[in-house]
Amino acid sequence: MKKDKDKIVKQFREDVISLQKSSIEMLDVLGKEKSCTKTGRILLECMNDRCKQHCGLEKTRNQEN
């Protein structure tokens, strides 16, 4: 049972990473920002509210509009 669970979790993580990569490629195509201004982390890993507040992503987006 434990092995099955580990296998499922591993596959899920791989799927998430692959989805993140393809989403980043789409962002590139659209010409959008793709990394956090302070940490340089990939945007999809970095979209929680605390990050938006600390790195000012929210502000830069609003100023552009």
PDB file of N, CA and C in Angstrom:
ATOM      1  N   MET A   1       0.832  -1.207   0.000  1.00  0.00           N
ATOM      2  CA  MET A   1       0.000   0.000   0.000  1.00  0.00           C
ATOM      3  C   MET A   1       0.867   1.258   0.000  1.00  0.00           C
ATOM      4  N   LYS A   2       1.896   1.260   0.857  1.00  0.00           N
ATOM      5  CA  LYS A   2       2.789   2.421   0.940  1.00  0.00           C
ATOM      6  C   LYS A   2       3.496   2.660  -0.396  1.00  0.00           C
ATOM      7  N   LYS A   3       3.940   1.577  -1.035  1.00  0.00           N
ATOM      8  CA  LYS A   3       4.624   1.713  -2.328  1.00  0.00           C
ATOM      9  C   LYS A   3       3.706   2.321  -3.374  1.00  0.00           C
ATOM     10  N   ASP A   4       2.445   1.871  -3.375  1.00  0.00           N
ATOM     11  CA  ASP A   4       1.475   2.415  -4.333  1.00  0.00           C
ATOM     12  C   ASP A   4       1.283   3.905  -4.108  1.00  0.00           C
ATOM     13  N   LYS A   5       1.162   4.279  -2.843  1.00  0.00           N
ATOM     14  CA  LYS A   5       0.961   5.696  -2.517  1.00  0.00           C
ATOM     15  C   LYS A   5       2.164   6.521  -2.965  1.00  0.00           C
ATOM     16  N   ASP A   6       3.361   6.038  -2.680  1.00  0.00           N
ATOM     17  CA  ASP A   6       4.580   6.743  -3.088  1.00  0.00           C
ATOM     18  C   ASP A   6       4.645   6.896  -4.600  1.00  0.00           C
ATOM     19  N   LYS A   7       4.252   5.845  -5.290  1.00  0.00           N
ATOM     20  CA  LYS A   7       4.271   5.863  -6.754  1.00  0.00           C
ATOM     21  C   LYS A   7       3.293   6.916  -7.286  1.00  0.00           C
ATOM     22  N   ILE A   8       2.108   6.967  -6.688  1.00  0.00           N
ATOM     23  CA  ILE A   8       1.086   7.934  -7.112  1.00  0.00           C
ATOM     24  C   ILE A   8       1.565   9.357  -6.824  1.00  0.00           C
ATOM     25  N   VAL A   9       2.123   9.573  -5.642  1.00  0.00           N
ATOM     26  CA  VAL A   9       2.622  10.905  -5.273  1.00  0.00           C
ATOM     27  C   VAL A   9       3.737  11.331  -6.224  1.00  0.00           C
ATOM     28  N   LYS A  10       4.639  10.424  -6.526  1.00  0.00           N
ATOM     29  CA  LYS A  10       5.748  10.740  -7.437  1.00  0.00           C
ATOM     30  C   LYS A  10       5.209  11.116  -8.823  1.00  0.00           C
ATOM     31  N   GLN A  11       4.262  10.337  -9.322  1.00  0.00           N
ATOM     32  CA  GLN A  11       3.678  10.619 -10.635  1.00  0.00           C
ATOM     33  C   GLN A  11       2.966  11.972 -10.621  1.00  0.00           C
ATOM     34  N   PHE A  12       2.252  12.247  -9.536  1.00  0.00           N
ATOM     35  CA  PHE A  12       1.538  13.524  -9.412  1.00  0.00           C
ATOM     36  C   PHE A  12       2.507  14.695  -9.460  1.00  0.00           C
ATOM     37  N   ARG A  13       3.607  14.579  -8.722  1.00  0.00           N
ATOM     38  CA  ARG A  13       4.615  15.652  -8.724  1.00  0.00           C
ATOM     39  C   ARG A  13       5.187  15.862 -10.114  1.00  0.00           C
ATOM     40  N   GLU A  14       5.476  14.772 -10.801  1.00  0.00           N
ATOM     41  CA  GLU A  14       6.009  14.886 -12.161  1.00  0.00           C
ATOM     42  C   GLU A  14       4.998  15.574 -13.080  1.00  0.00           C
ATOM     43  N   ASP A  15       3.723  15.224 -12.918  1.00  0.00           N
ATOM     44  CA  ASP A  15       2.680  15.841 -13.736  1.00  0.00           C
ATOM     45  C   ASP A  15       2.581  17.332 -13.460  1.00  0.00           C
ATOM     46  N   VAL A  16       2.649  17.707 -12.187  1.00  0.00           N
ATOM     47  CA  VAL A  16       2.570  19.124 -11.818  1.00  0.00           C
ATOM     48  C   VAL A  16       3.745  19.892 -12.411  1.00  0.00           C
ATOM     49  N   ILE A  17       4.943  19.333 -12.294  1.00  0.00           N
ATOM     50  CA  ILE A  17       6.133  19.997 -12.840  1.00  0.00           C
ATOM     51  C   ILE A  17       5.990  20.161 -14.349  1.00  0.00           C
ATOM     52  N   SER A  18       5.496  19.130 -15.008  1.00  0.00           N
ATOM     53  CA  SER A  18       5.346  19.222 -16.458  1.00  0.00           C
ATOM     54  C   SER A  18       4.294  20.267 -16.824  1.00  0.00           C
ATOM     55  N   LEU A  19       3.226  20.346 -16.040  1.00  0.00           N
ATOM     56  CA  LEU A  19       2.213  21.381 -16.286  1.00  0.00           C
ATOM     57  C   LEU A  19       2.798  22.768 -16.073  1.00  0.00           C
ATOM     58  N   GLN A  20       3.608  22.921 -15.022  1.00  0.00           N
ATOM     59  CA  GLN A  20       4.227  24.217 -14.763  1.00  0.00           C
ATOM     60  C   GLN A  20       5.122  24.617 -15.924  1.00  0.00           C
ATOM     61  N   LYS A  21       5.906  23.666 -16.415  1.00  0.00           N
ATOM     62  CA  LYS A  21       6.806  23.974 -17.533  1.00  0.00           C
ATOM     63  C   LYS A  21       6.028  24.401 -18.763  1.00  0.00           C
ATOM     64  N   SER A  22       4.953  23.674 -19.065  1.00  0.00           N
ATOM     65  CA  SER A  22       4.195  24.040 -20.265  1.00  0.00           C
ATOM     66  C   SER A  22       3.494  25.383 -20.066  1.00  0.00           C
ATOM     67  N   SER A  23       3.064  25.674 -18.845  1.00  0.00           N
ATOM     68  CA  SER A  23       2.438  26.970 -18.580  1.00  0.00           C
ATOM     69  C   SER A  23       3.443  28.100 -18.730  1.00  0.00           C
ATOM     70  N   ILE A  24       4.668  27.860 -18.284  1.00  0.00           N
ATOM     71  CA  ILE A  24       5.716  28.881 -18.412  1.00  0.00           C
ATOM     72  C   ILE A  24       6.006  29.126 -19.886  1.00  0.00           C
ATOM     73  N   GLU A  25       6.023  28.048 -20.672  1.00  0.00           N
ATOM     74  CA  GLU A  25       6.236  28.208 -22.107  1.00  0.00           C
ATOM     75  C   GLU A  25       5.116  29.041 -22.718  1.00  0.00           C
ATOM     76  N   MET A  26       3.884  28.823 -22.253  1.00  0.00           N
ATOM     77  CA  MET A  26       2.766  29.619 -22.770  1.00  0.00           C
ATOM     78  C   MET A  26       2.926  31.083 -22.364  1.00  0.00           C
ATOM     79  N   LEU A  27       3.378  31.311 -21.133  1.00  0.00           N
ATOM     80  CA  LEU A  27       3.601  32.692 -20.685  1.00  0.00           C
ATOM     81  C   LEU A  27       4.666  33.354 -21.558  1.00  0.00           C
ATOM     82  N   ASP A  28       5.703  32.597 -21.898  1.00  0.00           N
ATOM     83  CA  ASP A  28       6.744  33.122 -22.784  1.00  0.00           C
ATOM     84  C   ASP A  28       6.145  33.531 -24.117  1.00  0.00           C
ATOM     85  N   VAL A  29       5.302  32.668 -24.646  1.00  0.00           N
ATOM     86  CA  VAL A  29       4.680  32.942 -25.939  1.00  0.00           C
ATOM     87  C   VAL A  29       3.829  34.205 -25.851  1.00  0.00           C
ATOM     88  N   LEU A  30       3.156  34.362 -24.733  1.00  0.00           N
ATOM     89  CA  LEU A  30       2.298  35.530 -24.559  1.00  0.00           C
ATOM     90  C   LEU A  30       3.102  36.780 -24.189  1.00  0.00           C
ATOM     91  N   GLY A  31       4.377  36.601 -23.865  1.00  0.00           N
ATOM     92  CA  GLY A  31       5.234  37.731 -23.522  1.00  0.00           C
ATOM     93  C   GLY A  31       4.960  38.284 -22.139  1.00  0.00           C
ATOM     94  N   LYS A  32       4.521  37.436 -21.236  1.00  0.00           N
ATOM     95  CA  LYS A  32       4.224  37.893 -19.873  1.00  0.00           C
ATOM     96  C   LYS A  32       5.442  37.688 -18.985  1.00  0.00           C
ATOM     97  N   GLU A  33       5.415  38.353 -17.813  1.00  0.00           N
ATOM     98  CA  GLU A  33       6.475  38.116 -16.830  1.00  0.00           C
ATOM     99  C   GLU A  33       6.434  36.663 -16.424  1.00  0.00           C
ATOM    100  N   LYS A  34       7.597  36.093 -16.141  1.00  0.00           N
ATOM    101  CA  LYS A  34       7.577  34.703 -15.723  1.00  0.00           C
ATOM    102  C   LYS A  34       8.359  34.444 -14.442  1.00  0.00           C
ATOM    103  N   SER A  35       8.910  35.481 -13.821  1.00  0.00           N
ATOM    104  CA  SER A  35       9.587  35.227 -12.557  1.00  0.00           C
ATOM    105  C   SER A  35       9.318  36.338 -11.557  1.00  0.00           C
ATOM    106  N   CYS A  36       9.429  35.970 -10.307  1.00  0.00           N
ATOM    107  CA  CYS A  36       9.202  36.898  -9.199  1.00  0.00           C
ATOM    108  C   CYS A  36      10.316  37.947  -9.209  1.00  0.00           C
ATOM    109  N   THR A  37       9.970  39.196  -9.010  1.00  0.00           N
ATOM    110  CA  THR A  37      10.966  40.264  -9.124  1.00  0.00           C
ATOM    111  C   THR A  37      12.043  40.201  -8.042  1.00  0.00           C
ATOM    112  N   LYS A  38      11.715  39.673  -6.857  1.00  0.00           N
ATOM    113  CA  LYS A  38      12.731  39.628  -5.800  1.00  0.00           C
ATOM    114  C   LYS A  38      13.456  38.297  -5.717  1.00  0.00           C
ATOM    115  N   THR A  39      12.702  37.212  -5.721  1.00  0.00           N
ATOM    116  CA  THR A  39      13.340  35.912  -5.493  1.00  0.00           C
ATOM    117  C   THR A  39      13.812  35.275  -6.783  1.00  0.00           C
ATOM    118  N   GLY A  40      13.251  35.704  -7.917  1.00  0.00           N
ATOM    119  CA  GLY A  40      13.599  35.081  -9.182  1.00  0.00           C
ATOM    120  C   GLY A  40      12.966  33.714  -9.361  1.00  0.00           C
ATOM    121  N   ARG A  41      12.097  33.337  -8.413  1.00  0.00           N
ATOM    122  CA  ARG A  41      11.450  32.031  -8.528  1.00  0.00           C
ATOM    123  C   ARG A  41      10.451  32.058  -9.669  1.00  0.00           C
ATOM    124  N   ILE A  42      10.170  30.894 -10.194  1.00  0.00           N
ATOM    125  CA  ILE A  42       9.211  30.791 -11.289  1.00  0.00           C
ATOM    126  C   ILE A  42       7.839  31.233 -10.785  1.00  0.00           C
ATOM    127  N   LEU A  43       7.189  32.043 -11.582  1.00  0.00           N
ATOM    128  CA  LEU A  43       5.930  32.658 -11.209  1.00  0.00           C
ATOM    129  C   LEU A  43       4.903  31.680 -10.667  1.00  0.00           C
ATOM    130  N   LEU A  44       4.754  30.534 -11.297  1.00  0.00           N
ATOM    131  CA  LEU A  44       3.721  29.595 -10.878  1.00  0.00           C
ATOM    132  C   LEU A  44       3.975  29.039  -9.486  1.00  0.00           C
ATOM    133  N   GLU A  45       5.236  29.017  -9.062  1.00  0.00           N
ATOM    134  CA  GLU A  45       5.541  28.534  -7.721  1.00  0.00           C
ATOM    135  C   GLU A  45       5.407  29.673  -6.723  1.00  0.00           C
ATOM    136  N   CYS A  46       5.130  30.847  -7.234  1.00  0.00           N
ATOM    137  CA  CYS A  46       5.342  32.049  -6.446  1.00  0.00           C
ATOM    138  C   CYS A  46       4.105  32.950  -6.443  1.00  0.00           C
ATOM    139  N   MET A  47       2.936  32.400  -6.705  1.00  0.00           N
ATOM    140  CA  MET A  47       1.765  33.247  -6.855  1.00  0.00           C
ATOM    141  C   MET A  47       0.930  33.372  -5.578  1.00  0.00           C
ATOM    142  N   ASN A  48       1.474  32.927  -4.440  1.00  0.00           N
ATOM    143  CA  ASN A  48       0.684  33.083  -3.220  1.00  0.00           C
ATOM    144  C   ASN A  48       0.665  34.553  -2.802  1.00  0.00           C
ATOM    145  N   ASP A  49      -0.299  34.934  -1.986  1.00  0.00           N
ATOM    146  CA  ASP A  49      -0.496  36.337  -1.636  1.00  0.00           C
ATOM    147  C   ASP A  49       0.718  36.955  -0.966  1.00  0.00           C
ATOM    148  N   ARG A  50       1.398  36.174  -0.105  1.00  0.00           N
ATOM    149  CA  ARG A  50       2.553  36.722   0.587  1.00  0.00           C
ATOM    150  C   ARG A  50       3.621  37.136  -0.421  1.00  0.00           C
ATOM    151  N   CYS A  51       3.828  36.317  -1.428  1.00  0.00           N
ATOM    152  CA  CYS A  51       4.832  36.639  -2.437  1.00  0.00           C
ATOM    153  C   CYS A  51       4.407  37.880  -3.218  1.00  0.00           C
ATOM    154  N   LYS A  52       3.147  37.939  -3.587  1.00  0.00           N
ATOM    155  CA  LYS A  52       2.679  39.095  -4.344  1.00  0.00           C
ATOM    156  C   LYS A  52       2.937  40.370  -3.548  1.00  0.00           C
ATOM    157  N   GLN A  53       2.721  40.302  -2.233  1.00  0.00           N
ATOM    158  CA  GLN A  53       2.944  41.480  -1.409  1.00  0.00           C
ATOM    159  C   GLN A  53       4.432  41.810  -1.316  1.00  0.00           C
ATOM    160  N   HIS A  54       5.283  40.776  -1.060  1.00  0.00           N
ATOM    161  CA  HIS A  54       6.693  41.087  -0.816  1.00  0.00           C
ATOM    162  C   HIS A  54       7.431  41.503  -2.076  1.00  0.00           C
ATOM    163  N   CYS A  55       7.035  40.990  -3.239  1.00  0.00           N
ATOM    164  CA  CYS A  55       7.837  41.310  -4.417  1.00  0.00           C
ATOM    165  C   CYS A  55       7.199  42.384  -5.285  1.00  0.00           C
ATOM    166  N   GLY A  56       5.986  42.795  -4.951  1.00  0.00           N
ATOM    167  CA  GLY A  56       5.374  43.892  -5.672  1.00  0.00           C
ATOM    168  C   GLY A  56       4.841  43.517  -7.042  1.00  0.00           C
ATOM    169  N   LEU A  57       4.706  42.226  -7.319  1.00  0.00           N
ATOM    170  CA  LEU A  57       4.187  41.806  -8.624  1.00  0.00           C
ATOM    171  C   LEU A  57       2.814  42.418  -8.878  1.00  0.00           C
ATOM    172  N   GLU A  58       2.001  42.435  -7.833  1.00  0.00           N
ATOM    173  CA  GLU A  58       0.660  42.970  -7.960  1.00  0.00           C
ATOM    174  C   GLU A  58       0.717  44.435  -8.388  1.00  0.00           C
ATOM    175  N   LYS A  59       1.610  45.203  -7.761  1.00  0.00           N
ATOM    176  CA  LYS A  59       1.735  46.633  -8.077  1.00  0.00           C
ATOM    177  C   LYS A  59       2.166  46.848  -9.526  1.00  0.00           C
ATOM    178  N   THR A  60       3.206  46.098  -9.955  1.00  0.00           N
ATOM    179  CA  THR A  60       3.691  46.312 -11.324  1.00  0.00           C
ATOM    180  C   THR A  60       2.604  45.990 -12.335  1.00  0.00           C
ATOM    181  N   ARG A  61       1.847  44.954 -12.080  1.00  0.00           N
ATOM    182  CA  ARG A  61       0.768  44.608 -13.011  1.00  0.00           C
ATOM    183  C   ARG A  61      -0.278  45.719 -13.040  1.00  0.00           C
ATOM    184  N   ASN A  62      -0.639  46.233 -11.851  1.00  0.00           N
ATOM    185  CA  ASN A  62      -1.672  47.268 -11.791  1.00  0.00           C
ATOM    186  C   ASN A  62      -1.201  48.572 -12.426  1.00  0.00           C
ATOM    187  N   GLN A  63       0.074  48.895 -12.268  1.00  0.00           N
ATOM    188  CA  GLN A  63       0.600  50.136 -12.840  1.00  0.00           C
ATOM    189  C   GLN A  63       0.603  50.076 -14.366  1.00  0.00           C
ATOM    190  N   GLU A  64       0.819  48.880 -14.913  1.00  0.00           N
ATOM    191  CA  GLU A  64       0.845  48.737 -16.365  1.00  0.00           C
ATOM    192  C   GLU A  64      -0.536  48.931 -16.973  1.00  0.00           C
ATOM    193  N   ASN A  65      -1.571  48.587 -16.211  1.00  0.00           N
ATOM    194  CA  ASN A  65      -2.942  48.669 -16.760  1.00  0.00           C
ATOM    195  C   ASN A  65      -3.455  50.068 -16.817  1.00  0.00           C
TER     196      ASN A  65
END
